[in-house]
N, C-alpha and C. Protein backbone atom coordinates (compact mmCIF):
# COMPACT_ATOMS: atom_id res chain seq x y z
N MET A 1 23.42 -9.65 14.62
CA MET A 1 23.65 -9.77 13.20
C MET A 1 22.60 -8.99 12.40
N LEU A 2 22.41 -7.74 12.74
CA LEU A 2 21.47 -6.87 12.05
C LEU A 2 21.77 -6.83 10.55
N HIS A 3 23.06 -6.67 10.21
CA HIS A 3 23.44 -6.56 8.81
C HIS A 3 23.07 -7.81 8.03
N GLN A 4 23.32 -8.97 8.61
CA GLN A 4 23.01 -10.22 7.92
C GLN A 4 21.49 -10.35 7.72
N HIS A 5 20.73 -9.95 8.71
CA HIS A 5 19.27 -10.03 8.59
C HIS A 5 18.78 -9.14 7.45
N ILE A 6 19.32 -7.94 7.33
CA ILE A 6 18.90 -7.00 6.28
C ILE A 6 19.19 -7.58 4.91
N ILE A 7 20.42 -8.07 4.69
CA ILE A 7 20.77 -8.56 3.36
C ILE A 7 20.05 -9.86 3.01
N GLU A 8 19.78 -10.70 3.98
CA GLU A 8 19.03 -11.93 3.72
C GLU A 8 17.57 -11.64 3.39
N ASN A 9 17.04 -10.57 3.96
CA ASN A 9 15.64 -10.21 3.75
C ASN A 9 15.39 -9.76 2.32
N SER A 10 16.22 -8.83 1.81
CA SER A 10 16.06 -8.37 0.43
C SER A 10 17.25 -7.50 0.03
N VAL A 11 17.71 -7.70 -1.19
CA VAL A 11 18.83 -6.90 -1.71
C VAL A 11 18.40 -5.44 -1.86
N GLU A 12 17.15 -5.23 -2.28
CA GLU A 12 16.66 -3.86 -2.43
C GLU A 12 16.69 -3.13 -1.09
N GLN A 13 16.26 -3.80 -0.03
CA GLN A 13 16.27 -3.21 1.31
C GLN A 13 17.73 -2.95 1.75
N TRP A 14 18.62 -3.91 1.46
CA TRP A 14 20.03 -3.76 1.80
C TRP A 14 20.64 -2.55 1.11
N ASN A 15 20.43 -2.45 -0.22
CA ASN A 15 21.00 -1.34 -0.98
C ASN A 15 20.43 0.00 -0.52
N LYS A 16 19.15 0.03 -0.17
CA LYS A 16 18.55 1.26 0.37
C LYS A 16 19.19 1.62 1.71
N TRP A 17 19.38 0.63 2.58
CA TRP A 17 20.01 0.86 3.87
C TRP A 17 21.43 1.39 3.69
N ARG A 18 22.16 0.82 2.73
CA ARG A 18 23.53 1.30 2.47
C ARG A 18 23.54 2.76 2.02
N LYS A 19 22.58 3.16 1.19
CA LYS A 19 22.50 4.56 0.75
C LYS A 19 22.17 5.49 1.91
N GLU A 20 21.33 5.02 2.83
CA GLU A 20 20.93 5.84 3.98
C GLU A 20 22.01 5.91 5.04
N HIS A 21 22.97 4.97 5.03
CA HIS A 21 24.05 4.91 6.03
C HIS A 21 25.41 4.78 5.32
N PRO A 22 25.79 5.80 4.55
CA PRO A 22 27.00 5.68 3.73
C PRO A 22 28.31 5.58 4.52
N THR A 23 28.31 5.99 5.77
CA THR A 23 29.55 5.95 6.55
C THR A 23 29.71 4.65 7.33
N VAL A 24 28.67 3.84 7.37
CA VAL A 24 28.74 2.57 8.11
C VAL A 24 29.32 1.49 7.20
N LEU A 25 30.35 0.81 7.68
CA LEU A 25 30.93 -0.32 6.95
C LEU A 25 30.46 -1.60 7.65
N PRO A 26 29.47 -2.26 7.07
CA PRO A 26 28.89 -3.43 7.72
C PRO A 26 29.89 -4.56 7.93
N ASN A 27 29.68 -5.31 8.99
CA ASN A 27 30.51 -6.45 9.33
C ASN A 27 29.68 -7.71 9.12
N LEU A 28 30.06 -8.49 8.11
CA LEU A 28 29.41 -9.76 7.84
C LEU A 28 30.41 -10.90 7.98
N ASN A 29 31.41 -10.70 8.83
CA ASN A 29 32.42 -11.74 9.06
C ASN A 29 31.75 -13.03 9.51
N GLY A 30 32.09 -14.12 8.85
CA GLY A 30 31.57 -15.43 9.23
C GLY A 30 30.10 -15.67 8.90
N ALA A 31 29.46 -14.75 8.21
CA ALA A 31 28.03 -14.89 7.89
C ALA A 31 27.79 -16.06 6.94
N ASN A 32 26.67 -16.74 7.12
CA ASN A 32 26.28 -17.82 6.22
C ASN A 32 25.30 -17.24 5.20
N LEU A 33 25.81 -16.94 4.02
CA LEU A 33 25.01 -16.40 2.93
C LEU A 33 25.03 -17.36 1.74
N SER A 34 25.27 -18.63 2.02
CA SER A 34 25.32 -19.61 0.93
C SER A 34 23.96 -19.69 0.26
N CYS A 35 23.99 -19.83 -1.05
CA CYS A 35 22.78 -19.96 -1.88
C CYS A 35 21.92 -18.70 -1.90
N CYS A 36 22.40 -17.59 -1.37
CA CYS A 36 21.62 -16.35 -1.37
C CYS A 36 21.61 -15.73 -2.77
N TYR A 37 20.54 -15.07 -3.08
CA TYR A 37 20.37 -14.36 -4.35
C TYR A 37 20.67 -12.89 -4.08
N LEU A 38 21.90 -12.45 -4.43
CA LEU A 38 22.38 -11.12 -4.09
C LEU A 38 22.71 -10.31 -5.35
N LEU A 39 21.86 -10.40 -6.34
CA LEU A 39 22.04 -9.70 -7.61
C LEU A 39 22.17 -8.20 -7.37
N ASP A 40 23.26 -7.60 -7.87
CA ASP A 40 23.51 -6.16 -7.77
C ASP A 40 23.63 -5.64 -6.33
N ALA A 41 23.98 -6.49 -5.40
CA ALA A 41 24.13 -6.06 -4.00
C ALA A 41 25.30 -5.11 -3.84
N ASN A 42 25.11 -4.06 -3.05
CA ASN A 42 26.19 -3.12 -2.75
C ASN A 42 26.92 -3.63 -1.51
N LEU A 43 28.04 -4.31 -1.76
CA LEU A 43 28.87 -4.85 -0.67
C LEU A 43 30.22 -4.16 -0.64
N SER A 44 30.30 -2.96 -1.19
CA SER A 44 31.57 -2.25 -1.23
C SER A 44 32.04 -1.92 0.19
N GLY A 45 33.30 -2.24 0.46
CA GLY A 45 33.89 -1.96 1.75
C GLY A 45 33.42 -2.86 2.88
N VAL A 46 32.56 -3.82 2.60
CA VAL A 46 32.01 -4.70 3.63
C VAL A 46 33.05 -5.76 4.02
N SER A 47 33.12 -6.07 5.30
CA SER A 47 33.99 -7.14 5.78
C SER A 47 33.21 -8.44 5.78
N LEU A 48 33.64 -9.36 4.90
CA LEU A 48 33.01 -10.67 4.76
C LEU A 48 34.02 -11.76 5.10
N ARG A 49 34.99 -11.42 5.91
CA ARG A 49 36.07 -12.36 6.25
C ARG A 49 35.49 -13.66 6.80
N GLY A 50 35.86 -14.78 6.16
CA GLY A 50 35.42 -16.09 6.63
C GLY A 50 33.96 -16.40 6.37
N ALA A 51 33.27 -15.59 5.60
CA ALA A 51 31.85 -15.82 5.32
C ALA A 51 31.68 -16.99 4.34
N ASP A 52 30.50 -17.59 4.35
CA ASP A 52 30.15 -18.65 3.41
C ASP A 52 29.22 -18.08 2.36
N LEU A 53 29.75 -17.88 1.15
CA LEU A 53 28.97 -17.40 0.01
C LEU A 53 28.93 -18.47 -1.08
N SER A 54 29.12 -19.72 -0.69
CA SER A 54 29.11 -20.79 -1.68
C SER A 54 27.74 -20.86 -2.35
N HIS A 55 27.76 -21.07 -3.65
CA HIS A 55 26.55 -21.20 -4.46
C HIS A 55 25.68 -19.94 -4.46
N ALA A 56 26.21 -18.83 -4.02
CA ALA A 56 25.44 -17.57 -4.02
C ALA A 56 25.45 -16.95 -5.42
N CYS A 57 24.42 -16.19 -5.70
CA CYS A 57 24.33 -15.45 -6.96
C CYS A 57 24.66 -13.99 -6.68
N LEU A 58 25.83 -13.57 -7.15
CA LEU A 58 26.31 -12.21 -6.92
C LEU A 58 26.55 -11.49 -8.24
N ILE A 59 25.71 -11.75 -9.23
CA ILE A 59 25.86 -11.11 -10.54
C ILE A 59 25.80 -9.60 -10.35
N GLY A 60 26.80 -8.91 -10.89
CA GLY A 60 26.82 -7.45 -10.84
C GLY A 60 27.01 -6.86 -9.46
N ALA A 61 27.39 -7.67 -8.48
CA ALA A 61 27.57 -7.16 -7.11
C ALA A 61 28.74 -6.18 -7.05
N ASP A 62 28.61 -5.18 -6.21
CA ASP A 62 29.67 -4.20 -5.98
C ASP A 62 30.46 -4.66 -4.76
N LEU A 63 31.63 -5.23 -5.01
CA LEU A 63 32.50 -5.75 -3.93
C LEU A 63 33.81 -4.96 -3.87
N ARG A 64 33.77 -3.71 -4.33
CA ARG A 64 34.98 -2.88 -4.28
C ARG A 64 35.45 -2.75 -2.84
N TRP A 65 36.71 -2.93 -2.63
CA TRP A 65 37.38 -2.80 -1.32
C TRP A 65 36.81 -3.73 -0.25
N ALA A 66 36.07 -4.74 -0.65
CA ALA A 66 35.52 -5.69 0.32
C ALA A 66 36.62 -6.62 0.82
N ASP A 67 36.51 -7.03 2.07
CA ASP A 67 37.43 -8.02 2.64
C ASP A 67 36.79 -9.39 2.52
N LEU A 68 37.25 -10.16 1.55
CA LEU A 68 36.75 -11.51 1.30
C LEU A 68 37.81 -12.55 1.64
N SER A 69 38.74 -12.17 2.50
CA SER A 69 39.80 -13.12 2.86
C SER A 69 39.19 -14.31 3.60
N ASP A 70 39.69 -15.49 3.27
CA ASP A 70 39.23 -16.75 3.87
C ASP A 70 37.74 -17.01 3.64
N THR A 71 37.16 -16.37 2.66
CA THR A 71 35.74 -16.54 2.35
C THR A 71 35.53 -17.73 1.43
N ASN A 72 34.42 -18.44 1.61
CA ASN A 72 34.08 -19.56 0.74
C ASN A 72 33.14 -19.07 -0.35
N LEU A 73 33.66 -18.99 -1.58
CA LEU A 73 32.87 -18.60 -2.74
C LEU A 73 32.76 -19.75 -3.73
N GLU A 74 32.91 -20.98 -3.23
CA GLU A 74 32.87 -22.14 -4.11
C GLU A 74 31.53 -22.21 -4.85
N SER A 75 31.62 -22.36 -6.17
CA SER A 75 30.46 -22.49 -7.05
C SER A 75 29.55 -21.26 -7.02
N ALA A 76 30.05 -20.13 -6.58
CA ALA A 76 29.26 -18.89 -6.60
C ALA A 76 29.27 -18.31 -8.02
N TYR A 77 28.29 -17.50 -8.32
CA TYR A 77 28.17 -16.89 -9.64
C TYR A 77 28.35 -15.39 -9.49
N LEU A 78 29.53 -14.88 -9.92
CA LEU A 78 29.88 -13.47 -9.76
C LEU A 78 30.15 -12.79 -11.09
N ALA A 79 29.43 -13.18 -12.13
CA ALA A 79 29.61 -12.54 -13.43
C ALA A 79 29.35 -11.05 -13.30
N GLN A 80 30.21 -10.27 -13.95
CA GLN A 80 30.11 -8.80 -13.98
C GLN A 80 30.25 -8.15 -12.61
N ALA A 81 30.74 -8.88 -11.61
CA ALA A 81 30.94 -8.30 -10.28
C ALA A 81 32.13 -7.35 -10.31
N ASN A 82 32.08 -6.33 -9.47
CA ASN A 82 33.18 -5.38 -9.36
C ASN A 82 33.97 -5.71 -8.09
N LEU A 83 35.18 -6.27 -8.28
CA LEU A 83 36.04 -6.66 -7.16
C LEU A 83 37.28 -5.76 -7.11
N LEU A 84 37.15 -4.52 -7.54
CA LEU A 84 38.24 -3.56 -7.52
C LEU A 84 38.83 -3.47 -6.12
N SER A 85 40.11 -3.72 -6.00
CA SER A 85 40.84 -3.62 -4.74
C SER A 85 40.28 -4.53 -3.63
N ALA A 86 39.57 -5.57 -4.00
CA ALA A 86 39.04 -6.50 -3.00
C ALA A 86 40.16 -7.39 -2.48
N ASN A 87 40.01 -7.80 -1.23
CA ASN A 87 40.97 -8.72 -0.61
C ASN A 87 40.39 -10.13 -0.66
N LEU A 88 40.97 -10.98 -1.53
CA LEU A 88 40.53 -12.36 -1.69
C LEU A 88 41.61 -13.32 -1.22
N HIS A 89 42.44 -12.87 -0.30
CA HIS A 89 43.54 -13.67 0.22
C HIS A 89 42.99 -14.97 0.83
N ARG A 90 43.50 -16.09 0.39
CA ARG A 90 43.12 -17.43 0.85
C ARG A 90 41.64 -17.75 0.65
N ALA A 91 40.96 -17.05 -0.24
CA ALA A 91 39.55 -17.33 -0.49
C ALA A 91 39.41 -18.60 -1.33
N ASN A 92 38.33 -19.32 -1.12
CA ASN A 92 38.01 -20.51 -1.89
C ASN A 92 37.14 -20.08 -3.06
N LEU A 93 37.74 -20.05 -4.26
CA LEU A 93 37.02 -19.62 -5.45
C LEU A 93 36.78 -20.79 -6.40
N ARG A 94 36.91 -22.00 -5.90
CA ARG A 94 36.78 -23.19 -6.75
C ARG A 94 35.41 -23.23 -7.43
N GLU A 95 35.48 -23.48 -8.73
CA GLU A 95 34.29 -23.65 -9.57
C GLU A 95 33.37 -22.43 -9.57
N ALA A 96 33.87 -21.28 -9.16
CA ALA A 96 33.07 -20.05 -9.21
C ALA A 96 33.12 -19.47 -10.62
N ASN A 97 32.13 -18.67 -10.96
CA ASN A 97 32.07 -18.04 -12.27
C ASN A 97 32.26 -16.54 -12.10
N PHE A 98 33.39 -16.04 -12.64
CA PHE A 98 33.73 -14.62 -12.57
C PHE A 98 33.76 -14.02 -13.98
N GLU A 99 32.94 -14.54 -14.87
CA GLU A 99 32.97 -14.06 -16.25
C GLU A 99 32.70 -12.56 -16.30
N GLY A 100 33.62 -11.82 -16.89
CA GLY A 100 33.47 -10.38 -17.03
C GLY A 100 33.64 -9.58 -15.75
N ALA A 101 34.13 -10.21 -14.68
CA ALA A 101 34.31 -9.51 -13.40
C ALA A 101 35.53 -8.59 -13.46
N ASN A 102 35.54 -7.58 -12.62
CA ASN A 102 36.65 -6.64 -12.54
C ASN A 102 37.50 -6.97 -11.31
N PHE A 103 38.73 -7.48 -11.55
CA PHE A 103 39.67 -7.81 -10.48
C PHE A 103 40.78 -6.78 -10.37
N SER A 104 40.60 -5.59 -10.93
CA SER A 104 41.66 -4.59 -10.92
C SER A 104 42.13 -4.32 -9.49
N TYR A 105 43.43 -4.43 -9.30
CA TYR A 105 44.11 -4.15 -8.02
C TYR A 105 43.68 -5.08 -6.88
N ALA A 106 43.02 -6.19 -7.20
CA ALA A 106 42.57 -7.12 -6.17
C ALA A 106 43.74 -7.98 -5.68
N ASP A 107 43.65 -8.44 -4.45
CA ASP A 107 44.64 -9.35 -3.86
C ASP A 107 44.08 -10.76 -3.92
N LEU A 108 44.68 -11.58 -4.79
CA LEU A 108 44.26 -12.97 -4.94
C LEU A 108 45.33 -13.91 -4.41
N SER A 109 46.16 -13.42 -3.51
CA SER A 109 47.26 -14.25 -3.01
C SER A 109 46.72 -15.47 -2.28
N ASN A 110 47.27 -16.61 -2.63
CA ASN A 110 46.92 -17.90 -2.03
C ASN A 110 45.44 -18.26 -2.16
N ALA A 111 44.75 -17.66 -3.11
CA ALA A 111 43.36 -18.03 -3.36
C ALA A 111 43.33 -19.37 -4.10
N HIS A 112 42.31 -20.14 -3.85
CA HIS A 112 42.14 -21.44 -4.49
C HIS A 112 41.19 -21.26 -5.67
N ILE A 113 41.73 -21.38 -6.90
CA ILE A 113 40.92 -21.07 -8.08
C ILE A 113 40.83 -22.23 -9.05
N ASN A 114 40.87 -23.45 -8.57
CA ASN A 114 40.69 -24.61 -9.44
C ASN A 114 39.33 -24.57 -10.12
N GLU A 115 39.34 -24.79 -11.43
CA GLU A 115 38.13 -24.86 -12.24
C GLU A 115 37.28 -23.59 -12.14
N THR A 116 37.92 -22.47 -11.92
CA THR A 116 37.23 -21.18 -11.83
C THR A 116 37.13 -20.56 -13.21
N ASP A 117 35.97 -20.01 -13.55
CA ASP A 117 35.75 -19.37 -14.84
C ASP A 117 36.12 -17.89 -14.73
N LEU A 118 37.24 -17.53 -15.37
CA LEU A 118 37.71 -16.15 -15.36
C LEU A 118 37.63 -15.54 -16.76
N ALA A 119 36.76 -16.10 -17.61
CA ALA A 119 36.64 -15.61 -18.98
C ALA A 119 36.25 -14.14 -19.00
N GLN A 120 36.96 -13.39 -19.80
CA GLN A 120 36.72 -11.96 -20.01
C GLN A 120 36.76 -11.14 -18.73
N ALA A 121 37.45 -11.63 -17.71
CA ALA A 121 37.62 -10.85 -16.48
C ALA A 121 38.69 -9.79 -16.71
N TYR A 122 38.65 -8.72 -15.94
CA TYR A 122 39.57 -7.60 -16.08
C TYR A 122 40.54 -7.56 -14.90
N TYR A 123 41.80 -7.22 -15.21
CA TYR A 123 42.85 -7.26 -14.18
C TYR A 123 43.76 -6.04 -14.27
N MET A 124 43.28 -4.88 -14.56
CA MET A 124 44.13 -3.70 -14.75
C MET A 124 44.89 -3.40 -13.46
N GLY A 125 46.22 -3.41 -13.57
CA GLY A 125 47.06 -3.07 -12.42
C GLY A 125 47.14 -4.15 -11.37
N THR A 126 46.56 -5.28 -11.60
CA THR A 126 46.55 -6.34 -10.60
C THR A 126 47.89 -7.05 -10.56
N ALA A 127 48.41 -7.21 -9.38
CA ALA A 127 49.59 -8.03 -9.17
C ALA A 127 49.19 -9.11 -8.19
N CYS A 128 48.81 -10.24 -8.72
CA CYS A 128 48.32 -11.32 -7.90
C CYS A 128 49.40 -12.37 -7.73
N LEU A 129 49.72 -12.69 -6.53
CA LEU A 129 50.72 -13.71 -6.27
C LEU A 129 50.00 -14.97 -5.82
N ILE A 130 49.87 -15.89 -6.76
CA ILE A 130 49.14 -17.12 -6.49
C ILE A 130 50.07 -18.28 -6.76
N HIS A 131 50.13 -19.23 -5.84
CA HIS A 131 50.94 -20.41 -6.09
C HIS A 131 50.36 -21.15 -7.29
N PRO A 132 51.19 -21.54 -8.25
CA PRO A 132 50.68 -22.22 -9.45
C PRO A 132 49.82 -23.44 -9.15
N VAL A 133 50.10 -24.18 -8.09
CA VAL A 133 49.30 -25.37 -7.80
C VAL A 133 47.86 -25.02 -7.45
N ALA A 134 47.60 -23.81 -7.04
CA ALA A 134 46.24 -23.41 -6.70
C ALA A 134 45.43 -23.12 -7.95
N ALA A 135 46.07 -23.07 -9.10
CA ALA A 135 45.37 -22.71 -10.33
C ALA A 135 45.69 -23.68 -11.45
N ASP A 136 45.73 -24.97 -11.15
CA ASP A 136 46.16 -25.94 -12.14
C ASP A 136 45.19 -26.12 -13.30
N ASN A 137 43.97 -25.63 -13.20
CA ASN A 137 43.03 -25.77 -14.30
C ASN A 137 42.77 -24.46 -15.04
N ILE A 138 43.56 -23.43 -14.74
CA ILE A 138 43.43 -22.15 -15.43
C ILE A 138 44.13 -22.25 -16.78
N VAL A 139 43.65 -21.51 -17.74
CA VAL A 139 44.25 -21.52 -19.07
C VAL A 139 45.75 -21.26 -18.95
N PRO A 140 46.60 -22.14 -19.50
CA PRO A 140 48.05 -22.01 -19.34
C PRO A 140 48.61 -20.66 -19.78
N LEU A 141 47.94 -19.97 -20.70
CA LEU A 141 48.43 -18.68 -21.16
C LEU A 141 48.64 -17.71 -20.00
N LEU A 142 47.83 -17.82 -18.96
CA LEU A 142 47.97 -16.91 -17.82
C LEU A 142 49.28 -17.11 -17.08
N TRP A 143 49.87 -18.29 -17.24
CA TRP A 143 51.09 -18.62 -16.51
C TRP A 143 52.33 -18.54 -17.38
N GLU A 144 52.19 -18.08 -18.60
CA GLU A 144 53.30 -18.05 -19.55
C GLU A 144 54.51 -17.31 -18.97
N ASN A 145 55.63 -17.98 -18.92
CA ASN A 145 56.92 -17.42 -18.49
C ASN A 145 56.92 -16.88 -17.06
N SER A 146 56.07 -17.37 -16.22
CA SER A 146 56.05 -16.84 -14.87
C SER A 146 55.48 -17.86 -13.89
N GLN A 147 56.02 -17.87 -12.69
CA GLN A 147 55.42 -18.73 -11.67
C GLN A 147 54.31 -17.99 -10.94
N TYR A 148 54.20 -16.70 -11.18
CA TYR A 148 53.14 -15.90 -10.58
C TYR A 148 52.26 -15.29 -11.65
N TRP A 149 51.02 -15.05 -11.28
CA TRP A 149 50.06 -14.42 -12.17
C TRP A 149 50.15 -12.93 -11.92
N ALA A 150 50.78 -12.21 -12.81
CA ALA A 150 50.92 -10.76 -12.63
C ALA A 150 50.92 -10.12 -14.01
N PHE A 151 49.80 -9.57 -14.40
CA PHE A 151 49.72 -8.97 -15.72
C PHE A 151 48.65 -7.91 -15.72
N GLU A 152 48.59 -7.13 -16.80
CA GLU A 152 47.59 -6.09 -16.93
C GLU A 152 46.77 -6.31 -18.18
N VAL A 153 45.52 -6.01 -18.13
CA VAL A 153 44.66 -6.02 -19.29
C VAL A 153 44.22 -4.58 -19.51
N GLN A 154 44.50 -4.05 -20.66
CA GLN A 154 44.16 -2.67 -20.95
C GLN A 154 42.78 -2.62 -21.61
N ALA A 155 41.75 -2.68 -20.82
CA ALA A 155 40.39 -2.63 -21.34
C ALA A 155 39.51 -1.93 -20.32
N GLU A 156 38.54 -1.19 -20.81
CA GLU A 156 37.63 -0.49 -19.92
C GLU A 156 36.53 -1.44 -19.47
N PHE A 157 36.17 -1.40 -18.20
CA PHE A 157 35.16 -2.30 -17.65
C PHE A 157 33.80 -1.66 -17.77
N ASP A 158 32.85 -2.35 -18.35
CA ASP A 158 31.50 -1.85 -18.53
C ASP A 158 30.53 -2.80 -17.84
N TYR A 159 29.92 -2.36 -16.73
CA TYR A 159 29.06 -3.23 -15.93
C TYR A 159 27.73 -3.53 -16.60
N THR A 160 27.23 -2.64 -17.42
CA THR A 160 25.89 -2.81 -17.95
C THR A 160 25.85 -3.47 -19.32
N GLN A 161 26.96 -3.53 -20.00
CA GLN A 161 26.98 -3.98 -21.39
C GLN A 161 26.32 -5.34 -21.59
N ARG A 162 26.66 -6.34 -20.75
CA ARG A 162 26.12 -7.67 -20.94
C ARG A 162 25.28 -8.15 -19.76
N ARG A 163 24.92 -7.28 -18.86
CA ARG A 163 24.23 -7.71 -17.64
C ARG A 163 22.91 -8.43 -17.95
N GLN A 164 22.13 -7.93 -18.89
CA GLN A 164 20.85 -8.57 -19.18
C GLN A 164 21.03 -10.02 -19.62
N SER A 165 22.03 -10.27 -20.46
CA SER A 165 22.23 -11.64 -20.92
C SER A 165 22.66 -12.54 -19.77
N PHE A 166 23.48 -12.04 -18.84
CA PHE A 166 23.88 -12.84 -17.68
C PHE A 166 22.68 -13.13 -16.80
N MET A 167 21.84 -12.12 -16.56
CA MET A 167 20.68 -12.32 -15.71
C MET A 167 19.73 -13.33 -16.35
N HIS A 168 19.53 -13.22 -17.65
CA HIS A 168 18.65 -14.15 -18.34
C HIS A 168 19.14 -15.58 -18.19
N TYR A 169 20.45 -15.78 -18.30
CA TYR A 169 21.02 -17.11 -18.16
C TYR A 169 21.01 -17.61 -16.72
N ALA A 170 21.41 -16.77 -15.79
CA ALA A 170 21.67 -17.23 -14.43
C ALA A 170 20.47 -17.26 -13.51
N GLU A 171 19.52 -16.36 -13.70
CA GLU A 171 18.41 -16.26 -12.75
C GLU A 171 17.66 -17.57 -12.53
N PRO A 172 17.38 -18.36 -13.58
CA PRO A 172 16.68 -19.63 -13.34
C PRO A 172 17.49 -20.63 -12.50
N HIS A 173 18.81 -20.44 -12.43
CA HIS A 173 19.66 -21.38 -11.71
C HIS A 173 19.77 -21.09 -10.22
N PHE A 174 19.19 -20.00 -9.77
CA PHE A 174 19.29 -19.62 -8.37
C PHE A 174 17.90 -19.37 -7.82
N SER A 175 17.63 -19.92 -6.66
CA SER A 175 16.34 -19.65 -6.03
C SER A 175 16.54 -18.56 -5.00
N ARG A 176 15.53 -17.77 -4.81
CA ARG A 176 15.63 -16.69 -3.81
C ARG A 176 15.56 -17.29 -2.42
N ARG A 177 16.56 -16.98 -1.62
CA ARG A 177 16.61 -17.50 -0.24
C ARG A 177 16.05 -16.44 0.69
N LYS A 178 15.15 -16.82 1.52
CA LYS A 178 14.56 -15.91 2.50
C LYS A 178 15.02 -16.31 3.90
N ALA A 179 15.11 -15.31 4.75
CA ALA A 179 15.47 -15.61 6.14
C ALA A 179 14.35 -16.44 6.75
N GLY A 180 14.73 -17.44 7.50
CA GLY A 180 13.69 -18.29 8.04
C GLY A 180 13.91 -18.55 9.44
């Protein structure tokens, strides 16, 4: 589990390693990264299938094309995260915060999103097929005239616009986890 050791050690070290090895797609399937502080982590294209990211801080994380199927993201904080084309099939997103996240073209089929904060999230081109019972606490407007959540938001996503305010709010709520 070299990849897990690198990311648990430090996000800066992880992001540097990713830049030095751009063709390697790390495998973090089943990794236990719960409660980890992964602010601005480059997880693009990473396989995190079945991983535990519950209570993790992933503010501004790059999760483009990441495989997060069957992943536990319960109570995780992913404000301003980029989930472009991410696979979140059957992921547990209960009570997670995705405020301002980019879900464009993401697969949220059968994801569990009870009490999930999707305020100001972006969904350009997203066609998400989610059973309505999995989202019973989502604002009813999202379900207007449809049993499926499939709509577009025509807005440009800006990762840096509000990042400082999110970091100021969220950083005290997460402790840095070190490999032990």
